[in-house]
Amino acid sequence: MSQGDFALQLIQDRADIDISGQEFNFVRSIRVFDVRYARQHESGRDGDCNRSANIYLGTYGTQGDFSWSRSTPTALPDAHLGLERWGSNCPRIYHRSVFVEWYDFGGNYGFEQVNY
């Protein structure tokens, strides 16, 4: 491996400049919700409500390092659509989506949601 290849390999897992200052908070504001599934339905004659969800939250660290952690339906931002009735009287719900939210350099909120 040449020295140039080694340098490229080192920066693939983090930013290649120092982004720890407040002027780069917009990078750390980016949150990615991967709703792999969230389902809710009644089952059986007694009307038990079955709920299950597999949701992950991706965030950026101080130097732009990205990591995933487990999350829950209640942690989804208000702008997310699809689980508004989660936990209420057990309506039938099946939902999958990727939701990304951020605050830009000026502090303006933005988001994008893709259902699949």
N, C-alpha and C. Protein backbone atom coordinates (compact mmCIF):
# COMPACT_ATOMS: atom_id res chain seq x y z
N MET A 1 0.85 -1.17 0.00
CA MET A 1 0.00 0.00 0.00
C MET A 1 0.90 1.23 0.00
N SER A 2 0.63 2.16 -0.90
CA SER A 2 1.42 3.39 -0.96
C SER A 2 0.98 4.34 0.14
N GLN A 3 1.79 5.37 0.39
CA GLN A 3 1.46 6.35 1.43
C GLN A 3 0.15 7.07 1.10
N GLY A 4 -0.12 7.37 -0.16
CA GLY A 4 -1.37 8.03 -0.56
C GLY A 4 -2.57 7.15 -0.28
N ASP A 5 -2.47 5.84 -0.53
CA ASP A 5 -3.56 4.92 -0.24
C ASP A 5 -3.83 4.87 1.25
N PHE A 6 -2.78 4.89 2.06
CA PHE A 6 -2.93 4.84 3.51
C PHE A 6 -3.64 6.08 4.02
N ALA A 7 -3.31 7.25 3.49
CA ALA A 7 -3.94 8.50 3.93
C ALA A 7 -5.43 8.48 3.57
N LEU A 8 -5.77 7.99 2.40
CA LEU A 8 -7.16 7.90 2.00
C LEU A 8 -7.92 6.96 2.92
N GLN A 9 -7.32 5.85 3.26
CA GLN A 9 -7.97 4.89 4.14
C GLN A 9 -8.24 5.50 5.52
N LEU A 10 -7.33 6.29 6.03
CA LEU A 10 -7.51 6.90 7.35
C LEU A 10 -8.67 7.87 7.38
N ILE A 11 -8.92 8.61 6.32
CA ILE A 11 -9.97 9.63 6.36
C ILE A 11 -11.33 9.10 5.96
N GLN A 12 -11.45 7.86 5.54
CA GLN A 12 -12.75 7.34 5.15
C GLN A 12 -13.70 7.19 6.33
N ASP A 13 -13.20 7.03 7.53
CA ASP A 13 -14.04 6.83 8.70
C ASP A 13 -14.29 8.10 9.50
N ARG A 14 -13.79 9.22 9.04
CA ARG A 14 -13.95 10.48 9.76
C ARG A 14 -13.70 11.63 8.80
N ALA A 15 -14.01 12.83 9.27
CA ALA A 15 -13.75 14.01 8.44
C ALA A 15 -12.25 14.20 8.26
N ASP A 16 -11.84 14.72 7.11
CA ASP A 16 -10.41 14.93 6.88
C ASP A 16 -9.95 16.31 7.34
N ILE A 17 -10.86 17.08 7.98
CA ILE A 17 -10.50 18.35 8.60
C ILE A 17 -11.13 18.36 10.00
N ASP A 18 -10.70 19.27 10.82
CA ASP A 18 -11.26 19.39 12.18
C ASP A 18 -12.63 20.05 12.09
N ILE A 19 -13.68 19.32 12.45
CA ILE A 19 -15.04 19.89 12.43
C ILE A 19 -15.65 19.92 13.83
N SER A 20 -14.80 20.00 14.84
CA SER A 20 -15.30 19.97 16.21
C SER A 20 -15.87 21.31 16.68
N GLY A 21 -15.64 22.40 15.95
CA GLY A 21 -16.11 23.72 16.38
C GLY A 21 -17.61 23.90 16.19
N GLN A 22 -18.15 24.92 16.86
CA GLN A 22 -19.59 25.19 16.80
C GLN A 22 -20.07 25.51 15.39
N GLU A 23 -19.19 26.03 14.54
CA GLU A 23 -19.59 26.36 13.18
C GLU A 23 -19.97 25.11 12.37
N PHE A 24 -19.64 23.93 12.89
CA PHE A 24 -20.00 22.68 12.22
C PHE A 24 -21.11 21.92 12.95
N ASN A 25 -21.82 22.60 13.85
CA ASN A 25 -22.93 21.94 14.56
C ASN A 25 -23.99 21.42 13.61
N PHE A 26 -24.13 22.05 12.43
CA PHE A 26 -25.13 21.57 11.47
C PHE A 26 -24.85 20.13 11.05
N VAL A 27 -23.59 19.72 11.03
CA VAL A 27 -23.26 18.32 10.70
C VAL A 27 -23.79 17.41 11.80
N ARG A 28 -23.53 17.77 13.04
CA ARG A 28 -23.96 16.95 14.18
C ARG A 28 -25.47 16.99 14.38
N SER A 29 -26.16 17.96 13.75
CA SER A 29 -27.62 18.04 13.88
C SER A 29 -28.32 17.00 13.00
N ILE A 30 -27.63 16.43 12.04
CA ILE A 30 -28.26 15.47 11.13
C ILE A 30 -28.57 14.19 11.89
N ARG A 31 -29.84 13.79 11.81
CA ARG A 31 -30.27 12.52 12.42
C ARG A 31 -31.01 11.72 11.36
N VAL A 32 -30.70 10.43 11.29
CA VAL A 32 -31.31 9.53 10.32
C VAL A 32 -32.08 8.45 11.09
N PHE A 33 -33.38 8.36 10.85
CA PHE A 33 -34.19 7.31 11.46
C PHE A 33 -34.49 6.26 10.40
N ASP A 34 -34.09 5.05 10.66
CA ASP A 34 -34.37 3.91 9.78
C ASP A 34 -35.48 3.09 10.44
N VAL A 35 -36.71 3.30 9.99
CA VAL A 35 -37.86 2.55 10.52
C VAL A 35 -37.95 1.28 9.68
N ARG A 36 -37.24 0.25 10.11
CA ARG A 36 -37.21 -1.00 9.34
C ARG A 36 -38.59 -1.65 9.32
N TYR A 37 -39.29 -1.53 10.42
CA TYR A 37 -40.73 -1.83 10.46
C TYR A 37 -41.30 -1.35 11.78
N ALA A 38 -42.56 -0.98 11.74
CA ALA A 38 -43.34 -0.69 12.94
C ALA A 38 -44.74 -1.21 12.63
N ARG A 39 -45.19 -2.16 13.43
CA ARG A 39 -46.52 -2.72 13.18
C ARG A 39 -47.30 -2.82 14.47
N GLN A 40 -48.60 -2.69 14.29
CA GLN A 40 -49.53 -2.74 15.42
C GLN A 40 -50.84 -3.31 14.89
N HIS A 41 -51.39 -4.28 15.62
CA HIS A 41 -52.68 -4.85 15.22
C HIS A 41 -53.28 -5.64 16.38
N GLU A 42 -54.59 -5.79 16.34
CA GLU A 42 -55.28 -6.61 17.34
C GLU A 42 -55.20 -8.06 16.91
N SER A 43 -55.14 -8.95 17.91
CA SER A 43 -55.12 -10.38 17.59
C SER A 43 -55.96 -11.14 18.60
N GLY A 44 -56.49 -12.24 18.16
CA GLY A 44 -57.27 -13.11 19.04
C GLY A 44 -58.64 -12.54 19.36
N ARG A 45 -59.45 -13.37 20.00
CA ARG A 45 -60.80 -12.95 20.36
C ARG A 45 -60.83 -11.94 21.48
N ASP A 46 -59.79 -11.94 22.30
CA ASP A 46 -59.77 -11.01 23.43
C ASP A 46 -59.27 -9.62 23.04
N GLY A 47 -58.87 -9.43 21.79
CA GLY A 47 -58.48 -8.11 21.30
C GLY A 47 -57.14 -7.61 21.80
N ASP A 48 -56.23 -8.52 22.13
CA ASP A 48 -54.89 -8.08 22.54
C ASP A 48 -54.27 -7.24 21.44
N CYS A 49 -53.54 -6.23 21.83
CA CYS A 49 -52.86 -5.38 20.86
C CYS A 49 -51.41 -5.83 20.77
N ASN A 50 -51.01 -6.22 19.58
CA ASN A 50 -49.62 -6.60 19.34
C ASN A 50 -48.91 -5.44 18.67
N ARG A 51 -47.82 -5.02 19.30
CA ARG A 51 -46.99 -3.95 18.75
C ARG A 51 -45.54 -4.41 18.70
N SER A 52 -44.90 -4.12 17.59
CA SER A 52 -43.47 -4.37 17.50
C SER A 52 -42.86 -3.37 16.53
N ALA A 53 -41.63 -3.04 16.78
CA ALA A 53 -40.93 -2.06 15.93
C ALA A 53 -39.44 -2.36 15.94
N ASN A 54 -38.82 -2.09 14.82
CA ASN A 54 -37.37 -2.21 14.68
C ASN A 54 -36.90 -0.90 14.05
N ILE A 55 -36.42 0.00 14.90
CA ILE A 55 -36.06 1.35 14.48
C ILE A 55 -34.64 1.65 14.95
N TYR A 56 -33.86 2.27 14.06
CA TYR A 56 -32.50 2.68 14.39
C TYR A 56 -32.35 4.17 14.15
N LEU A 57 -31.53 4.79 14.97
CA LEU A 57 -31.21 6.21 14.85
C LEU A 57 -29.73 6.34 14.52
N GLY A 58 -29.44 7.03 13.42
CA GLY A 58 -28.06 7.31 13.03
C GLY A 58 -27.71 8.75 13.33
N THR A 59 -26.54 8.96 13.94
CA THR A 59 -26.10 10.30 14.29
C THR A 59 -24.62 10.48 13.94
N TYR A 60 -24.23 11.75 13.82
CA TYR A 60 -22.84 12.11 13.54
C TYR A 60 -22.19 12.62 14.81
N GLY A 61 -20.96 12.17 15.04
CA GLY A 61 -20.21 12.59 16.22
C GLY A 61 -19.40 13.86 15.97
N THR A 62 -18.56 14.18 16.90
CA THR A 62 -17.79 15.41 16.89
C THR A 62 -16.97 15.60 15.63
N GLN A 63 -16.34 14.54 15.15
CA GLN A 63 -15.50 14.64 13.95
C GLN A 63 -16.16 14.02 12.72
N GLY A 64 -17.48 13.92 12.72
CA GLY A 64 -18.18 13.41 11.55
C GLY A 64 -18.30 11.90 11.51
N ASP A 65 -17.92 11.22 12.58
CA ASP A 65 -18.07 9.77 12.64
C ASP A 65 -19.56 9.44 12.78
N PHE A 66 -20.02 8.46 12.03
CA PHE A 66 -21.44 8.10 12.00
C PHE A 66 -21.65 6.81 12.76
N SER A 67 -22.75 6.76 13.54
CA SER A 67 -23.04 5.52 14.28
C SER A 67 -24.55 5.32 14.39
N TRP A 68 -24.94 4.07 14.55
CA TRP A 68 -26.34 3.68 14.71
C TRP A 68 -26.60 3.25 16.14
N SER A 69 -27.81 3.54 16.63
CA SER A 69 -28.26 3.03 17.93
C SER A 69 -29.74 2.68 17.82
N ARG A 70 -30.21 1.81 18.69
CA ARG A 70 -31.62 1.43 18.69
C ARG A 70 -32.48 2.63 19.07
N SER A 71 -33.69 2.67 18.53
CA SER A 71 -34.60 3.76 18.85
C SER A 71 -36.02 3.20 19.00
N THR A 72 -36.98 4.09 19.19
CA THR A 72 -38.37 3.69 19.43
C THR A 72 -39.32 4.56 18.61
N PRO A 73 -40.56 4.12 18.42
CA PRO A 73 -41.53 4.95 17.71
C PRO A 73 -41.75 6.31 18.37
N THR A 74 -41.71 6.36 19.69
CA THR A 74 -41.96 7.62 20.39
C THR A 74 -40.80 8.61 20.22
N ALA A 75 -39.64 8.16 19.79
CA ALA A 75 -38.50 9.05 19.58
C ALA A 75 -38.51 9.71 18.21
N LEU A 76 -39.40 9.27 17.32
CA LEU A 76 -39.47 9.87 15.99
C LEU A 76 -39.90 11.32 16.09
N PRO A 77 -39.34 12.20 15.27
CA PRO A 77 -39.72 13.62 15.30
C PRO A 77 -41.19 13.83 14.91
N ASP A 78 -41.76 14.93 15.36
CA ASP A 78 -43.16 15.25 15.05
C ASP A 78 -43.40 15.33 13.54
N ALA A 79 -42.39 15.70 12.77
CA ALA A 79 -42.55 15.83 11.32
C ALA A 79 -42.69 14.47 10.62
N HIS A 80 -42.29 13.40 11.28
CA HIS A 80 -42.42 12.06 10.69
C HIS A 80 -43.89 11.68 10.58
N LEU A 81 -44.27 11.13 9.43
CA LEU A 81 -45.66 10.72 9.20
C LEU A 81 -45.75 9.21 9.03
N GLY A 82 -46.81 8.63 9.62
CA GLY A 82 -47.05 7.20 9.45
C GLY A 82 -47.35 6.46 10.74
N LEU A 83 -46.94 7.03 11.86
CA LEU A 83 -47.17 6.35 13.14
C LEU A 83 -47.92 7.25 14.13
N GLU A 84 -48.71 8.18 13.60
CA GLU A 84 -49.41 9.12 14.47
C GLU A 84 -50.34 8.42 15.45
N ARG A 85 -50.94 7.31 15.05
CA ARG A 85 -51.90 6.61 15.92
C ARG A 85 -51.27 5.45 16.69
N TRP A 86 -49.95 5.39 16.70
CA TRP A 86 -49.24 4.34 17.43
C TRP A 86 -49.60 4.42 18.90
N GLY A 87 -50.04 3.31 19.46
CA GLY A 87 -50.36 3.25 20.88
C GLY A 87 -51.76 3.67 21.25
N SER A 88 -52.57 4.11 20.27
CA SER A 88 -53.93 4.53 20.60
C SER A 88 -54.95 3.52 20.07
N ASN A 89 -55.64 2.85 20.95
CA ASN A 89 -56.72 1.92 20.62
C ASN A 89 -56.36 0.83 19.63
N CYS A 90 -55.13 0.67 19.29
CA CYS A 90 -54.62 -0.42 18.45
C CYS A 90 -55.17 -0.45 17.02
N PRO A 91 -55.18 0.66 16.31
CA PRO A 91 -55.54 0.57 14.89
C PRO A 91 -54.46 -0.21 14.14
N ARG A 92 -54.83 -0.84 13.05
CA ARG A 92 -53.86 -1.61 12.26
C ARG A 92 -52.88 -0.64 11.60
N ILE A 93 -51.59 -0.86 11.86
CA ILE A 93 -50.52 -0.04 11.29
C ILE A 93 -49.41 -0.95 10.82
N TYR A 94 -48.91 -0.70 9.64
CA TYR A 94 -47.65 -1.30 9.18
C TYR A 94 -46.91 -0.20 8.44
N HIS A 95 -45.70 0.11 8.89
CA HIS A 95 -44.99 1.26 8.34
C HIS A 95 -43.50 0.96 8.23
N ARG A 96 -42.91 1.44 7.11
CA ARG A 96 -41.46 1.40 6.90
C ARG A 96 -41.06 2.72 6.27
N SER A 97 -39.96 3.29 6.73
CA SER A 97 -39.50 4.55 6.15
C SER A 97 -38.06 4.85 6.57
N VAL A 98 -37.48 5.80 5.87
CA VAL A 98 -36.23 6.43 6.27
C VAL A 98 -36.55 7.91 6.41
N PHE A 99 -36.20 8.47 7.54
CA PHE A 99 -36.49 9.87 7.84
C PHE A 99 -35.18 10.55 8.22
N VAL A 100 -34.85 11.64 7.54
CA VAL A 100 -33.64 12.40 7.83
C VAL A 100 -34.05 13.80 8.23
N GLU A 101 -33.50 14.29 9.33
CA GLU A 101 -33.76 15.67 9.76
C GLU A 101 -32.44 16.36 10.04
N TRP A 102 -32.46 17.70 9.95
CA TRP A 102 -31.26 18.48 10.15
C TRP A 102 -31.63 19.93 10.45
N TYR A 103 -30.64 20.64 10.95
CA TYR A 103 -30.70 22.10 11.08
C TYR A 103 -29.56 22.65 10.24
N ASP A 104 -29.88 23.55 9.32
CA ASP A 104 -28.83 24.07 8.45
C ASP A 104 -27.96 25.09 9.20
N PHE A 105 -26.98 25.64 8.51
CA PHE A 105 -26.03 26.58 9.12
C PHE A 105 -26.74 27.75 9.78
N GLY A 106 -27.89 28.17 9.22
CA GLY A 106 -28.64 29.29 9.78
C GLY A 106 -29.61 28.89 10.87
N GLY A 107 -29.66 27.60 11.22
CA GLY A 107 -30.56 27.13 12.27
C GLY A 107 -31.95 26.77 11.79
N ASN A 108 -32.16 26.73 10.47
CA ASN A 108 -33.47 26.37 9.91
C ASN A 108 -33.64 24.86 9.88
N TYR A 109 -34.81 24.41 10.28
CA TYR A 109 -35.12 22.98 10.33
C TYR A 109 -35.49 22.47 8.94
N GLY A 110 -35.02 21.28 8.61
CA GLY A 110 -35.38 20.62 7.37
C GLY A 110 -35.49 19.12 7.59
N PHE A 111 -36.23 18.45 6.72
CA PHE A 111 -36.36 17.00 6.83
C PHE A 111 -36.77 16.43 5.48
N GLU A 112 -36.58 15.13 5.36
CA GLU A 112 -37.02 14.38 4.18
C GLU A 112 -37.42 12.99 4.66
N GLN A 113 -38.51 12.48 4.12
CA GLN A 113 -38.99 11.14 4.48
C GLN A 113 -39.25 10.34 3.22
N VAL A 114 -38.77 9.11 3.21
CA VAL A 114 -39.04 8.19 2.11
C VAL A 114 -39.69 6.95 2.71
N ASN A 115 -40.92 6.67 2.32
CA ASN A 115 -41.61 5.46 2.75
C ASN A 115 -41.29 4.34 1.76
N TYR A 116 -41.20 3.14 2.26
CA TYR A 116 -40.97 2.01 1.36
C TYR A 116 -41.66 0.78 1.87
